[in-house]
Amino acid sequence: MGYRCVATSVAGFVQQLAVCYVGRGYYFYVRGGIPAHKDPAAIDRKLVERYGIAVSKWTRCRRRKRGQASLQYLRHGDFFVLLATNGEHPVIASEGRLVRDIRRQPLRFMGYAIGCRPARGGGPLHPSVRIERREFAALKTHLRQMAVHRSVEDLGRILRSLPYEPYAPVRDQLRILLRSLNRRRKAAGLEPVPLAVLRQRRRPVRPFAPRSSEPLEEILNLSCPERAGPSDCIPERTFFRSDSNERHTEQEPEPAQEADPEGREPDSFSEAGSDETGFGPTPGGPGGHD
């Protein structure tokens, strides 16, 4: 089986990134986007071969003992991320100004913020997945606006259909949303929405499994019934984060690039479309991986 790097769902991308990569010491990352006129599969092959990513676990172990970094590559749609452990590697030297440390600067993707934090009480580092701050604030505002105009059943369906996997920090945020919503309902003398409407367990997914035949819109359309007015519905940016919206909120739109007359594929992440404005120098340099 070849090197698998294309996540077929947002949940799969986040799970693979946080649990399998960040949780194993891949703290340094470069993110970017593939231009519309490029073939994503061809760019995947080019980058995996150029940076020597498709290697065995034994090779990665030998690299670590020699003080060399190991790399992983992951893509969903036209968004990709290259991750590295602590150590030396040509990609860190060539893309140094684009490299970020996920322990200090979480990766924002489709409304999520994926980072790495110490466990409560000062324990070891572990992956942290939460709703991104701006997304959370917008969601809180819209839920409060509809709190006194919708029934308990409608609000329960909306909360259950939010497209965020219930990782522990996400569960905490959802409870904050529920308390905020119920405070508004209590002031109006209305019945509170019970805690049972929130999802408490995350179902692991297969990151590289074929796409589901059920469209996302069919799963989430319970949040906006036909009888509801536009002001009663959570706006599309909260539920359906298209690639264009993600590029707008997380990284500046890239200038149009002319197709290479020779049909040549990009030789580096900068040429493939890395978001140069979204990165800074590596904070404190590589370090911290065992």
Protein backbone atom coordinates (compact mmCIF):
# COMPACT_ATOMS: atom_id res chain seq x y z
CA MET A 1 0.00 0.00 0.00
CA GLY A 2 1.38 3.41 -0.97
CA TYR A 3 1.67 6.45 1.25
CA ARG A 4 -1.83 7.73 2.03
CA CYS A 5 -2.11 11.47 2.44
CA VAL A 6 -5.55 12.57 1.16
CA ALA A 7 -8.16 12.84 3.91
CA THR A 8 -11.65 12.50 2.48
CA SER A 9 -13.47 14.36 5.26
CA VAL A 10 -12.87 17.26 7.62
CA ALA A 11 -13.28 14.96 10.63
CA GLY A 12 -10.75 12.55 9.16
CA PHE A 13 -8.24 15.32 8.46
CA VAL A 14 -8.51 16.69 12.00
CA GLN A 15 -8.29 13.24 13.59
CA GLN A 16 -5.26 12.18 11.54
CA LEU A 17 -3.49 15.47 12.17
CA ALA A 18 -4.16 15.72 15.91
CA VAL A 19 -4.16 12.11 17.08
CA CYS A 20 -1.70 10.42 14.73
CA TYR A 21 0.77 13.24 13.97
CA VAL A 22 0.73 15.96 16.63
CA GLY A 23 0.27 13.32 19.31
CA ARG A 24 3.49 11.67 18.12
CA GLY A 25 5.71 14.72 18.16
CA TYR A 26 5.10 16.31 14.74
CA TYR A 27 5.02 19.83 16.16
CA PHE A 28 6.37 21.92 13.27
CA TYR A 29 4.21 22.62 10.26
CA VAL A 30 3.91 24.45 6.96
CA ARG A 31 0.48 24.91 5.44
CA GLY A 32 -0.59 25.95 1.98
CA GLY A 33 -3.08 25.64 -0.83
CA ILE A 34 -2.96 24.05 -4.27
CA PRO A 35 -3.84 26.46 -7.12
CA ALA A 36 -6.94 25.57 -9.12
CA HIS A 37 -4.98 24.95 -12.34
CA LYS A 38 -2.70 22.33 -10.71
CA ASP A 39 -3.43 18.61 -10.40
CA PRO A 40 -3.57 17.82 -6.63
CA ALA A 41 -2.60 14.17 -7.09
CA ALA A 42 0.46 15.11 -9.13
CA ILE A 43 1.53 17.64 -6.51
CA ASP A 44 1.04 15.05 -3.76
CA ARG A 45 3.38 12.64 -5.53
CA LYS A 46 5.91 15.38 -6.27
CA LEU A 47 6.15 16.61 -2.68
CA VAL A 48 6.14 13.15 -1.09
CA GLU A 49 9.01 12.05 -3.35
CA ARG A 50 10.98 15.29 -3.07
CA TYR A 51 11.00 15.34 0.73
CA GLY A 52 11.36 11.56 1.22
CA ILE A 53 8.16 11.26 3.24
CA ALA A 54 7.02 7.76 2.21
CA VAL A 55 9.47 5.78 4.35
CA SER A 56 9.09 2.98 6.88
CA LYS A 57 8.89 3.44 10.64
CA TRP A 58 12.37 1.89 10.91
CA THR A 59 13.80 4.61 8.67
CA ARG A 60 12.08 7.25 10.78
CA CYS A 61 13.58 5.70 13.91
CA ARG A 62 17.09 5.77 12.43
CA ARG A 63 16.61 9.41 11.40
CA ARG A 64 15.59 10.35 14.91
CA LYS A 65 18.69 8.72 16.38
CA ARG A 66 20.84 10.70 13.93
CA GLY A 67 19.14 13.95 14.91
CA GLN A 68 17.20 14.21 11.65
CA ALA A 69 13.56 15.22 11.36
CA SER A 70 10.80 12.98 10.03
CA LEU A 71 8.02 14.42 7.88
CA GLN A 72 4.35 13.73 7.23
CA TYR A 73 2.12 15.22 4.53
CA LEU A 74 -1.66 15.55 4.73
CA ARG A 75 -4.19 17.13 2.38
CA HIS A 76 -7.93 17.74 2.28
CA GLY A 77 -9.31 19.34 -0.87
CA ASP A 78 -6.83 22.01 -1.92
CA PHE A 79 -5.52 22.61 1.62
CA PHE A 80 -2.37 20.78 2.67
CA VAL A 81 -0.02 20.71 5.63
CA LEU A 82 3.52 19.39 5.97
CA LEU A 83 4.52 18.35 9.50
CA ALA A 84 7.95 17.66 10.95
CA THR A 85 9.45 16.41 14.19
CA ASN A 86 12.41 18.03 15.88
CA GLY A 87 15.68 17.69 13.97
CA GLU A 88 17.43 18.71 10.79
CA HIS A 89 15.85 18.38 7.37
CA PRO A 90 16.21 20.22 4.03
CA VAL A 91 12.58 21.35 4.14
CA ILE A 92 13.19 23.18 7.44
CA ALA A 93 16.14 24.98 5.90
CA SER A 94 14.39 25.83 2.63
CA GLU A 95 11.02 26.79 4.13
CA GLY A 96 12.30 28.12 7.46
CA ARG A 97 10.42 31.41 7.31
CA LEU A 98 7.15 29.53 6.77
CA VAL A 99 7.55 27.02 9.58
CA ARG A 100 5.40 27.33 12.70
CA ASP A 101 5.33 25.50 16.01
CA ILE A 102 1.88 24.05 16.68
CA ARG A 103 2.53 24.22 20.43
CA ARG A 104 2.59 28.02 20.19
CA GLN A 105 0.56 28.76 17.07
CA PRO A 106 -2.37 26.36 16.55
CA LEU A 107 -3.28 25.35 13.04
CA ARG A 108 -6.67 26.76 12.01
CA PHE A 109 -8.69 24.62 9.63
CA MET A 110 -12.39 24.68 8.78
CA GLY A 111 -13.46 26.28 12.05
CA TYR A 112 -11.12 24.16 14.20
CA ALA A 113 -7.97 25.23 16.05
CA ILE A 114 -5.58 22.27 16.39
CA GLY A 115 -2.78 22.76 18.87
CA CYS A 116 -0.78 21.04 21.58
CA ARG A 117 -1.04 21.86 25.28
CA PRO A 118 0.04 20.44 28.63
CA ALA A 119 -2.50 18.24 30.35
CA ARG A 120 -4.51 19.75 33.18
CA GLY A 121 -2.44 19.91 36.33
CA GLY A 122 0.84 20.33 34.45
CA GLY A 123 1.02 16.92 32.79
CA PRO A 124 2.72 16.00 29.51
CA LEU A 125 1.85 17.62 26.20
CA HIS A 126 -1.13 16.27 24.31
CA PRO A 127 -3.08 17.33 21.20
CA SER A 128 -5.79 19.95 21.66
CA VAL A 129 -8.72 20.33 19.26
CA ARG A 130 -11.21 23.13 19.83
CA ILE A 131 -13.51 25.46 17.91
CA GLU A 132 -11.50 28.38 16.58
CA ARG A 133 -12.00 31.56 18.62
CA ARG A 134 -13.65 33.71 15.94
CA GLU A 135 -15.88 30.84 14.84
CA PHE A 136 -16.90 30.20 18.44
CA ALA A 137 -17.75 33.87 19.06
CA ALA A 138 -19.88 34.05 15.90
CA LEU A 139 -21.67 30.82 16.81
CA LYS A 140 -22.37 32.05 20.34
CA THR A 141 -23.83 35.30 19.04
CA HIS A 142 -26.19 33.59 16.59
CA LEU A 143 -27.38 31.02 19.12
CA ARG A 144 -28.19 33.75 21.63
CA GLN A 145 -30.15 35.62 18.97
CA MET A 146 -32.38 32.64 18.26
CA ALA A 147 -32.59 31.41 21.88
CA VAL A 148 -36.02 32.92 22.59
CA HIS A 149 -37.47 32.46 19.10
CA ARG A 150 -37.12 28.69 18.71
CA SER A 151 -38.51 25.71 20.60
CA VAL A 152 -36.46 23.39 22.77
CA GLU A 153 -36.72 20.71 20.08
CA ASP A 154 -35.43 23.00 17.33
CA LEU A 155 -32.54 24.26 19.44
CA GLY A 156 -31.67 20.69 20.38
CA ARG A 157 -31.52 19.69 16.71
CA ILE A 158 -29.31 22.68 15.94
CA LEU A 159 -26.86 21.86 18.73
CA ARG A 160 -26.73 18.17 17.80
CA SER A 161 -26.03 18.97 14.15
CA LEU A 162 -23.12 21.36 14.73
CA PRO A 163 -20.28 20.06 12.54
CA TYR A 164 -17.66 19.77 15.28
CA GLU A 165 -16.39 16.48 16.61
CA PRO A 166 -16.78 16.40 20.43
CA TYR A 167 -13.15 16.38 21.51
CA ALA A 168 -12.81 17.32 25.18
CA PRO A 169 -12.16 21.07 24.58
CA VAL A 170 -15.04 21.15 22.07
CA ARG A 171 -17.37 19.60 24.64
CA ASP A 172 -16.41 22.34 27.09
CA GLN A 173 -17.16 24.98 24.46
CA LEU A 174 -20.51 23.42 23.61
CA ARG A 175 -21.48 23.51 27.28
CA ILE A 176 -20.56 27.20 27.35
CA LEU A 177 -22.85 27.75 24.35
CA LEU A 178 -25.65 25.88 26.06
CA ARG A 179 -25.31 27.88 29.29
CA SER A 180 -25.30 31.14 27.36
CA LEU A 181 -28.40 30.10 25.43
CA ASN A 182 -30.23 28.97 28.58
CA ARG A 183 -29.46 32.19 30.44
CA ARG A 184 -31.27 34.05 27.68
CA ARG A 185 -34.21 31.64 27.84
CA LYS A 186 -34.38 31.83 31.64
CA ALA A 187 -34.61 35.63 31.52
CA ALA A 188 -37.54 35.26 29.12
CA GLY A 189 -39.26 32.67 31.34
CA LEU A 190 -38.79 29.81 28.84
CA GLU A 191 -37.92 26.17 29.37
CA PRO A 192 -34.15 25.48 29.29
CA VAL A 193 -32.54 23.24 26.72
CA PRO A 194 -31.28 20.08 28.47
CA LEU A 195 -27.63 19.07 28.52
CA ALA A 196 -28.57 15.73 26.93
CA VAL A 197 -28.87 17.38 23.49
CA LEU A 198 -25.08 17.70 23.24
CA ARG A 199 -22.92 14.96 21.76
CA GLN A 200 -20.67 13.57 24.47
CA ARG A 201 -18.70 10.90 22.61
CA ARG A 202 -16.58 11.19 19.50
CA ARG A 203 -16.82 8.43 16.94
CA PRO A 204 -13.44 7.64 15.36
CA VAL A 205 -13.47 7.82 11.56
CA ARG A 206 -11.35 6.34 8.79
CA PRO A 207 -9.43 9.37 7.50
CA PHE A 208 -8.68 7.94 4.07
CA ALA A 209 -11.94 6.07 3.51
CA PRO A 210 -14.01 6.87 0.38
CA ARG A 211 -16.38 9.79 0.68
CA SER A 212 -19.85 9.15 2.08
CA SER A 213 -22.62 9.28 -0.48
CA GLU A 214 -24.76 11.37 1.89
CA PRO A 215 -24.11 15.06 1.31
CA LEU A 216 -23.28 17.27 4.26
CA GLU A 217 -26.15 19.60 3.49
CA GLU A 218 -28.64 16.75 4.02
CA ILE A 219 -27.12 15.98 7.42
CA LEU A 220 -27.17 19.56 8.68
CA ASN A 221 -30.31 21.01 7.14
CA LEU A 222 -32.25 20.36 10.36
CA SER A 223 -30.76 23.58 11.70
CA CYS A 224 -32.75 25.74 9.28
CA PRO A 225 -36.32 24.49 8.65
CA GLU A 226 -38.27 26.02 5.83
CA ARG A 227 -40.58 27.88 8.19
CA ALA A 228 -37.70 29.75 9.79
CA GLY A 229 -36.76 33.19 8.54
CA PRO A 230 -33.24 34.06 7.45
CA SER A 231 -32.50 35.77 10.78
CA ASP A 232 -33.37 32.59 12.69
CA CYS A 233 -30.83 30.39 10.94
CA ILE A 234 -27.16 30.12 11.69
CA PRO A 235 -25.41 31.54 8.61
CA GLU A 236 -23.71 29.30 6.12
CA ARG A 237 -20.21 30.32 7.18
CA THR A 238 -20.81 28.54 10.49
CA PHE A 239 -22.08 25.30 8.99
CA PHE A 240 -20.62 25.00 5.52
CA ARG A 241 -17.02 26.12 5.28
CA SER A 242 -16.12 26.05 1.64
CA ASP A 243 -12.53 26.17 0.46
CA SER A 244 -13.00 29.78 -0.56
CA ASN A 245 -14.31 30.72 2.89
CA GLU A 246 -11.44 28.94 4.56
CA ARG A 247 -8.91 30.74 2.41
CA HIS A 248 -10.60 34.02 3.25
CA THR A 249 -10.68 33.51 7.00
CA GLU A 250 -7.41 31.70 7.57
CA GLN A 251 -5.07 32.85 4.84
CA GLU A 252 -5.00 35.66 2.36
CA PRO A 253 -6.19 34.91 -1.18
CA GLU A 254 -3.29 33.98 -3.37
CA PRO A 255 -2.62 35.93 -6.56
CA ALA A 256 -3.61 34.22 -9.75
CA GLN A 257 -0.77 32.12 -11.13
CA GLU A 258 -0.23 31.47 -14.77
CA ALA A 259 0.04 27.88 -15.85
CA ASP A 260 3.58 26.70 -16.58
CA PRO A 261 3.94 26.46 -20.36
CA GLU A 262 6.10 23.36 -19.93
CA GLY A 263 3.55 21.65 -17.69
CA ARG A 264 6.10 21.46 -14.87
CA GLU A 265 4.88 20.61 -11.37
CA PRO A 266 6.03 22.71 -8.37
CA ASP A 267 9.37 21.84 -6.78
CA SER A 268 8.63 23.21 -3.33
CA PHE A 269 5.83 24.26 -1.04
CA SER A 270 6.33 27.90 -1.92
CA GLU A 271 5.77 27.10 -5.58
CA ALA A 272 2.79 24.86 -4.80
CA GLY A 273 1.00 27.74 -3.14
CA SER A 274 2.08 28.04 0.49
CA ASP A 275 0.55 30.92 2.36
CA GLU A 276 3.63 33.04 2.86
CA THR A 277 1.72 35.78 4.65
CA GLY A 278 0.41 33.30 7.22
CA PHE A 279 3.73 32.14 8.61
CA GLY A 280 6.56 33.53 10.63
CA PRO A 281 9.97 32.33 11.76
CA THR A 282 10.01 29.23 13.90
CA PRO A 283 9.48 30.43 17.49
CA GLY A 284 12.57 29.50 19.44
CA GLY A 285 13.74 27.06 16.77
CA PRO A 286 12.99 23.32 16.67
CA GLY A 287 12.91 21.59 19.96
CA GLY A 288 10.93 19.57 22.44
CA HIS A 289 10.51 16.26 20.64
CA ASP A 290 11.68 13.13 22.41
